[in-house]
C-alpha atoms as a PDB file:
ATOM      1  CA  UNK A   1      81.240 106.816 116.184  1.00  0.00           C
ATOM      2  CA  UNK A   2      81.910 107.092 112.440  1.00  0.00           C
ATOM      3  CA  UNK A   3      84.618 109.535 111.376  1.00  0.00           C
ATOM      4  CA  UNK A   4      85.079 110.490 107.727  1.00  0.00           C
ATOM      5  CA  UNK A   5      87.867 112.537 106.182  1.00  0.00           C
ATOM      6  CA  UNK A   6      87.452 113.539 102.534  1.00  0.00           C
ATOM      7  CA  UNK A   7      90.327 115.328 100.817  1.00  0.00           C
ATOM      8  CA  UNK A   8      89.097 116.661  97.487  1.00  0.00           C
ATOM      9  CA  UNK A   9      91.412 118.187  94.866  1.00  0.00           C
ATOM     10  CA  UNK A  10      89.623 120.335  92.244  1.00  0.00           C
ATOM     11  CA  UNK A  11      91.005 121.686  88.949  1.00  0.00           C
ATOM     12  CA  UNK A  12      89.789 122.873  85.563  1.00  0.00           C
ATOM     13  CA  UNK A  13      90.659 121.845  81.990  1.00  0.00           C
ATOM     14  CA  UNK A  14      93.287 124.606  81.771  1.00  0.00           C
ATOM     15  CA  UNK A  15      95.226 122.940  84.645  1.00  0.00           C
ATOM     16  CA  UNK A  16      95.576 119.517  82.998  1.00  0.00           C
ATOM     17  CA  UNK A  17      99.315 119.843  82.297  1.00  0.00           C
ATOM     18  CA  UNK A  18     102.333 118.437  84.086  1.00  0.00           C
ATOM     19  CA  UNK A  19     103.004 121.547  86.192  1.00  0.00           C
ATOM     20  CA  UNK A  20      99.564 121.368  87.799  1.00  0.00           C
ATOM     21  CA  UNK A  21      99.759 117.581  88.079  1.00  0.00           C
ATOM     22  CA  UNK A  22     102.861 118.042  90.245  1.00  0.00           C
ATOM     23  CA  UNK A  23     100.995 120.579  92.412  1.00  0.00           C
ATOM     24  CA  UNK A  24      98.020 118.201  92.781  1.00  0.00           C
ATOM     25  CA  UNK A  25     100.289 115.325  93.783  1.00  0.00           C
ATOM     26  CA  UNK A  26     101.723 117.543  96.546  1.00  0.00           C
ATOM     27  CA  UNK A  27      98.327 117.739  98.285  1.00  0.00           C
ATOM     28  CA  UNK A  28      98.484 115.317 101.245  1.00  0.00           C
ATOM     29  CA  UNK A  29      96.333 112.186 101.109  1.00  0.00           C
ATOM     30  CA  UNK A  30      95.791 112.139 104.863  1.00  0.00           C
ATOM     31  CA  UNK A  31      95.696 114.884 107.492  1.00  0.00           C
ATOM     32  CA  UNK A  32      95.459 115.170 111.234  1.00  0.00           C
ATOM     33  CA  UNK A  33      91.884 115.676 112.357  1.00  0.00           C
ATOM     34  CA  UNK A  34      91.090 118.985 114.067  1.00  0.00           C
ATOM     35  CA  UNK A  35      91.712 118.884 117.832  1.00  0.00           C
ATOM     36  CA  UNK A  36      88.150 119.830 118.700  1.00  0.00           C
ATOM     37  CA  UNK A  37      85.502 117.677 117.022  1.00  0.00           C
ATOM     38  CA  UNK A  38      81.789 117.400 117.823  1.00  0.00           C
ATOM     39  CA  UNK A  39      80.765 114.423 119.946  1.00  0.00           C
ATOM     40  CA  UNK A  40      78.250 113.079 117.434  1.00  0.00           C
ATOM     41  CA  UNK A  41      77.505 109.691 115.855  1.00  0.00           C
ATOM     42  CA  UNK A  42      78.922 110.868 112.486  1.00  0.00           C
ATOM     43  CA  UNK A  43      81.682 113.456 112.086  1.00  0.00           C
ATOM     44  CA  UNK A  44      83.082 114.585 108.725  1.00  0.00           C
ATOM     45  CA  UNK A  45      86.345 116.445 108.167  1.00  0.00           C
ATOM     46  CA  UNK A  46      85.882 117.819 104.641  1.00  0.00           C
ATOM     47  CA  UNK A  47      88.979 119.315 103.008  1.00  0.00           C
ATOM     48  CA  UNK A  48      89.179 120.885  99.558  1.00  0.00           C
ATOM     49  CA  UNK A  49      92.248 122.057  97.608  1.00  0.00           C
ATOM     50  CA  UNK A  50      91.343 124.105  94.526  1.00  0.00           C
ATOM     51  CA  UNK A  51      93.648 125.110  91.699  1.00  0.00           C
ATOM     52  CA  UNK A  52      92.288 128.677  91.908  1.00  0.00           C
ATOM     53  CA  UNK A  53      93.765 129.061  95.403  1.00  0.00           C
ATOM     54  CA  UNK A  54      97.089 127.408  94.587  1.00  0.00           C
ATOM     55  CA  UNK A  55      95.792 124.152  96.112  1.00  0.00           C
ATOM     56  CA  UNK A  56      95.570 125.746  99.565  1.00  0.00           C
ATOM     57  CA  UNK A  57      93.653 123.496 101.980  1.00  0.00           C
ATOM     58  CA  UNK A  58      90.205 124.714 103.035  1.00  0.00           C
ATOM     59  CA  UNK A  59      88.853 122.630 105.938  1.00  0.00           C
ATOM     60  CA  UNK A  60      85.330 122.256 107.343  1.00  0.00           C
ATOM     61  CA  UNK A  61      83.817 119.979 109.999  1.00  0.00           C
ATOM     62  CA  UNK A  62      80.284 118.630 109.669  1.00  0.00           C
ATOM     63  CA  UNK A  63      78.402 116.406 112.060  1.00  0.00           C
ATOM     64  CA  UNK A  64      75.064 114.742 112.568  1.00  0.00           C
ATOM     65  CA  UNK A  65      73.029 111.957 111.066  1.00  0.00           C
ATOM     66  CA  UNK A  66      73.158 113.418 107.521  1.00  0.00           C
ATOM     67  CA  UNK A  67      76.794 114.579 107.529  1.00  0.00           C
ATOM     68  CA  UNK A  68      77.920 111.698 105.285  1.00  0.00           C
ATOM     69  CA  UNK A  69      75.440 112.866 102.620  1.00  0.00           C
ATOM     70  CA  UNK A  70      77.445 116.093 102.276  1.00  0.00           C
ATOM     71  CA  UNK A  71      80.437 114.061 101.045  1.00  0.00           C
ATOM     72  CA  UNK A  72      78.330 111.782  98.809  1.00  0.00           C
ATOM     73  CA  UNK A  73      78.404 108.724 101.062  1.00  0.00           C
ATOM     74  CA  UNK A  74      75.594 106.720 102.581  1.00  0.00           C
ATOM     75  CA  UNK A  75      75.998 104.838 105.827  1.00  0.00           C
ATOM     76  CA  UNK A  76      73.992 101.886 107.045  1.00  0.00           C
ATOM     77  CA  UNK A  77      74.237  99.122 109.579  1.00  0.00           C
ATOM     78  CA  UNK A  78      75.682  95.741 108.687  1.00  0.00           C
ATOM     79  CA  UNK A  79      76.676  92.637 110.591  1.00  0.00           C
ATOM     80  CA  UNK A  80      79.248  93.879 113.038  1.00  0.00           C
ATOM     81  CA  UNK A  81      79.913  97.233 111.438  1.00  0.00           C
ATOM     82  CA  UNK A  82      78.975 100.178 109.285  1.00  0.00           C
ATOM     83  CA  UNK A  83      78.167  99.609 105.610  1.00  0.00           C
ATOM     84  CA  UNK A  84      79.471 102.396 103.373  1.00  0.00           C
ATOM     85  CA  UNK A  85      78.027 103.064  99.911  1.00  0.00           C
ATOM     86  CA  UNK A  86      78.511 105.809  97.366  1.00  0.00           C
ATOM     87  CA  UNK A  87      75.841 108.492  97.393  1.00  0.00           C
ATOM     88  CA  UNK A  88      74.298 110.276  94.444  1.00  0.00           C
ATOM     89  CA  UNK A  89      76.653 112.298  92.256  1.00  0.00           C
ATOM     90  CA  UNK A  90      76.170 114.611  89.308  1.00  0.00           C
ATOM     91  CA  UNK A  91      79.455 113.658  87.644  1.00  0.00           C
ATOM     92  CA  UNK A  92      79.383 113.325  83.879  1.00  0.00           C
ATOM     93  CA  UNK A  93      82.265 110.839  83.992  1.00  0.00           C
ATOM     94  CA  UNK A  94      82.324 108.228  85.274  1.00  0.00           C
ATOM     95  CA  UNK A  95      78.562 108.283  85.214  1.00  0.00           C
ATOM     96  CA  UNK A  96      77.011 106.418  88.132  1.00  0.00           C
ATOM     97  CA  UNK A  97      73.513 105.198  87.506  1.00  0.00           C
ATOM     98  CA  UNK A  98      73.299 103.434  90.844  1.00  0.00           C
ATOM     99  CA  UNK A  99      74.892 103.471  94.265  1.00  0.00           C
ATOM    100  CA  UNK A 100      77.894 101.251  94.793  1.00  0.00           C
ATOM    101  CA  UNK A 101      78.753  99.304  97.941  1.00  0.00           C
ATOM    102  CA  UNK A 102      82.265 100.212  99.027  1.00  0.00           C
ATOM    103  CA  UNK A 103      82.951  98.210 102.195  1.00  0.00           C
ATOM    104  CA  UNK A 104      81.791  97.354 105.697  1.00  0.00           C
ATOM    105  CA  UNK A 105      83.911  98.852 108.464  1.00  0.00           C
ATOM    106  CA  UNK A 106      83.897  96.858 111.697  1.00  0.00           C
ATOM    107  CA  UNK A 107      84.413  98.480 115.097  1.00  0.00           C
ATOM    108  CA  UNK A 108      87.969  99.779 115.406  1.00  0.00           C
ATOM    109  CA  UNK A 109      88.697  99.539 111.657  1.00  0.00           C
ATOM    110  CA  UNK A 110      89.461 102.172 109.045  1.00  0.00           C
ATOM    111  CA  UNK A 111      88.903 102.087 105.285  1.00  0.00           C
ATOM    112  CA  UNK A 112      90.046 104.035 102.233  1.00  0.00           C
ATOM    113  CA  UNK A 113      88.002 105.034  99.152  1.00  0.00           C
ATOM    114  CA  UNK A 114      89.732 106.631  96.159  1.00  0.00           C
ATOM    115  CA  UNK A 115      87.807 108.091  93.214  1.00  0.00           C
ATOM    116  CA  UNK A 116      88.019 110.786  90.577  1.00  0.00           C
ATOM    117  CA  UNK A 117      85.376 112.502  88.496  1.00  0.00           C
ATOM    118  CA  UNK A 118      84.684 114.967  85.707  1.00  0.00           C
ATOM    119  CA  UNK A 119      81.829 117.418  86.332  1.00  0.00           C
ATOM    120  CA  UNK A 120      80.060 119.893  84.072  1.00  0.00           C
ATOM    121  CA  UNK A 121      78.071 122.973  85.050  1.00  0.00           C
ATOM    122  CA  UNK A 122      74.577 123.740  83.833  1.00  0.00           C
ATOM    123  CA  UNK A 123      73.805 124.418  80.163  1.00  0.00           C
ATOM    124  CA  UNK A 124      73.737 128.175  80.816  1.00  0.00           C
ATOM    125  CA  UNK A 125      77.372 128.074  81.971  1.00  0.00           C
ATOM    126  CA  UNK A 126      78.889 124.938  80.492  1.00  0.00           C
ATOM    127  CA  UNK A 127      82.152 124.970  82.423  1.00  0.00           C
ATOM    128  CA  UNK A 128      83.748 121.705  83.457  1.00  0.00           C
ATOM    129  CA  UNK A 129      86.126 120.634  86.212  1.00  0.00           C
ATOM    130  CA  UNK A 130      87.825 117.573  87.640  1.00  0.00           C
ATOM    131  CA  UNK A 131      87.955 116.201  91.174  1.00  0.00           C
ATOM    132  CA  UNK A 132      90.186 113.624  92.832  1.00  0.00           C
ATOM    133  CA  UNK A 133      88.932 112.232  96.161  1.00  0.00           C
ATOM    134  CA  UNK A 134      90.731 110.472  98.986  1.00  0.00           C
ATOM    135  CA  UNK A 135      88.139 109.427 101.560  1.00  0.00           C
ATOM    136  CA  UNK A 136      88.989 107.716 104.824  1.00  0.00           C
ATOM    137  CA  UNK A 137      86.309 106.182 107.040  1.00  0.00           C
ATOM    138  CA  UNK A 138      86.753 104.973 110.625  1.00  0.00           C
ATOM    139  CA  UNK A 139      84.364 103.139 112.890  1.00  0.00           C
ATOM    140  CA  UNK A 140      86.193 104.355 115.974  1.00  0.00           C
ATOM    141  CA  UNK A 141      86.336 107.266 118.412  1.00  0.00           C
ATOM    142  CA  UNK A 142      87.807 110.419 116.893  1.00  0.00           C
ATOM    143  CA  UNK A 143      91.226 111.764 117.819  1.00  0.00           C
ATOM    144  CA  UNK A 144      93.642 113.900 115.833  1.00  0.00           C
ATOM    145  CA  UNK A 145      95.948 111.075 114.649  1.00  0.00           C
ATOM    146  CA  UNK A 146      93.199 108.546 113.903  1.00  0.00           C
ATOM    147  CA  UNK A 147      93.910 108.203 110.174  1.00  0.00           C
ATOM    148  CA  UNK A 148      97.648 108.785 110.476  1.00  0.00           C
ATOM    149  CA  UNK A 149      98.315 105.997 112.960  1.00  0.00           C
ATOM    150  CA  UNK A 150      95.975 103.361 111.471  1.00  0.00           C
ATOM    151  CA  UNK A 151      96.367 101.717 108.091  1.00  0.00           C
ATOM    152  CA  UNK A 152      93.117 101.078 106.251  1.00  0.00           C
ATOM    153  CA  UNK A 153      91.830  97.525 106.471  1.00  0.00           C
ATOM    154  CA  UNK A 154      89.622  97.966 103.384  1.00  0.00           C
ATOM    155  CA  UNK A 155      90.331  99.666 100.064  1.00  0.00           C
ATOM    156  CA  UNK A 156      87.967 100.671  97.254  1.00  0.00           C
ATOM    157  CA  UNK A 157      89.846 102.320  94.396  1.00  0.00           C
ATOM    158  CA  UNK A 158      87.467 103.608  91.708  1.00  0.00           C
ATOM    159  CA  UNK A 159      89.813 105.984  89.905  1.00  0.00           C
ATOM    160  CA  UNK A 160      89.560 106.148  86.119  1.00  0.00           C
ATOM    161  CA  UNK A 161      91.432 107.888  83.292  1.00  0.00           C
ATOM    162  CA  UNK A 162      89.647 111.251  83.198  1.00  0.00           C
ATOM    163  CA  UNK A 163      91.205 112.534  79.987  1.00  0.00           C
ATOM    164  CA  UNK A 164      90.353 109.533  77.815  1.00  0.00           C
ATOM    165  CA  UNK A 165      91.816 106.103  77.389  1.00  0.00           C
ATOM    166  CA  UNK A 166      90.929 102.927  79.185  1.00  0.00           C
ATOM    167  CA  UNK A 167      90.230 103.186  82.896  1.00  0.00           C
ATOM    168  CA  UNK A 168      90.605 100.673  85.631  1.00  0.00           C
ATOM    169  CA  UNK A 169      88.644 100.265  88.829  1.00  0.00           C
ATOM    170  CA  UNK A 170      90.089  98.297  91.669  1.00  0.00           C
ATOM    171  CA  UNK A 171      88.396  97.165  94.816  1.00  0.00           C
ATOM    172  CA  UNK A 172      90.002  94.977  97.414  1.00  0.00           C
ATOM    173  CA  UNK A 173      89.680  94.156 101.065  1.00  0.00           C
ATOM    174  CA  UNK A 174      93.020  94.292 102.825  1.00  0.00           C
ATOM    175  CA  UNK A 175      93.449  91.884 105.677  1.00  0.00           C
ATOM    176  CA  UNK A 176      96.012  92.440 108.372  1.00  0.00           C
ATOM    177  CA  UNK A 177      98.372  89.632 109.190  1.00  0.00           C
ATOM    178  CA  UNK A 178      97.506  88.407 112.650  1.00  0.00           C
END
C-alpha cells in the first residue's frame, strides 16, 4: 500500500508580508491520517490551507490507481520499492519542463518531498498565487500515526526563492543508523 499526505499552503501576492508568513509557518507539516481510510493500493490524504480561509485546514481523501495524479505525483515500480516522480504542473515558477525523479521508497519506508511554486491564472483573469507543499509518501499499511511516528528515510527538497533572488534545491537520501 502507498500512502501519500500532501499539505498545501496557498496564498496570493497581497499576503507576502511578515504577518502572513507567520500564519503560514503555523500550518503543521505533518498530520494524523483520518481514522477511516479506503483499503486501496494508493491512498492520498490531501490537505489545503488557504489564506482566504485564515489558513483553516480543508482535508480530502482520494484513493485508487490514479490518486497520486491528483497531487501531481507519478508512481512506478522499482527494485524493491515504489519509484516516485513529480507529475505535470502548470507552475510558472519554477518551470518544470520534464518530470523529476524524487526517490524510491522501499517497503516499510517513508519519504518527504518539499516544494514551492508560483502559479498564474489564464490570460482572461491574470491572477497569481503561491503554494508551499509538504508531501509525505509511505510504502506501508495506513494507520493514523503513520507519518507522525516514522521519520522519513528519503528527502527531496526542491524549494526555491519565490519572490526573486537565488534559489537552492536540495535532494538527499537520509540513511538511518543501524
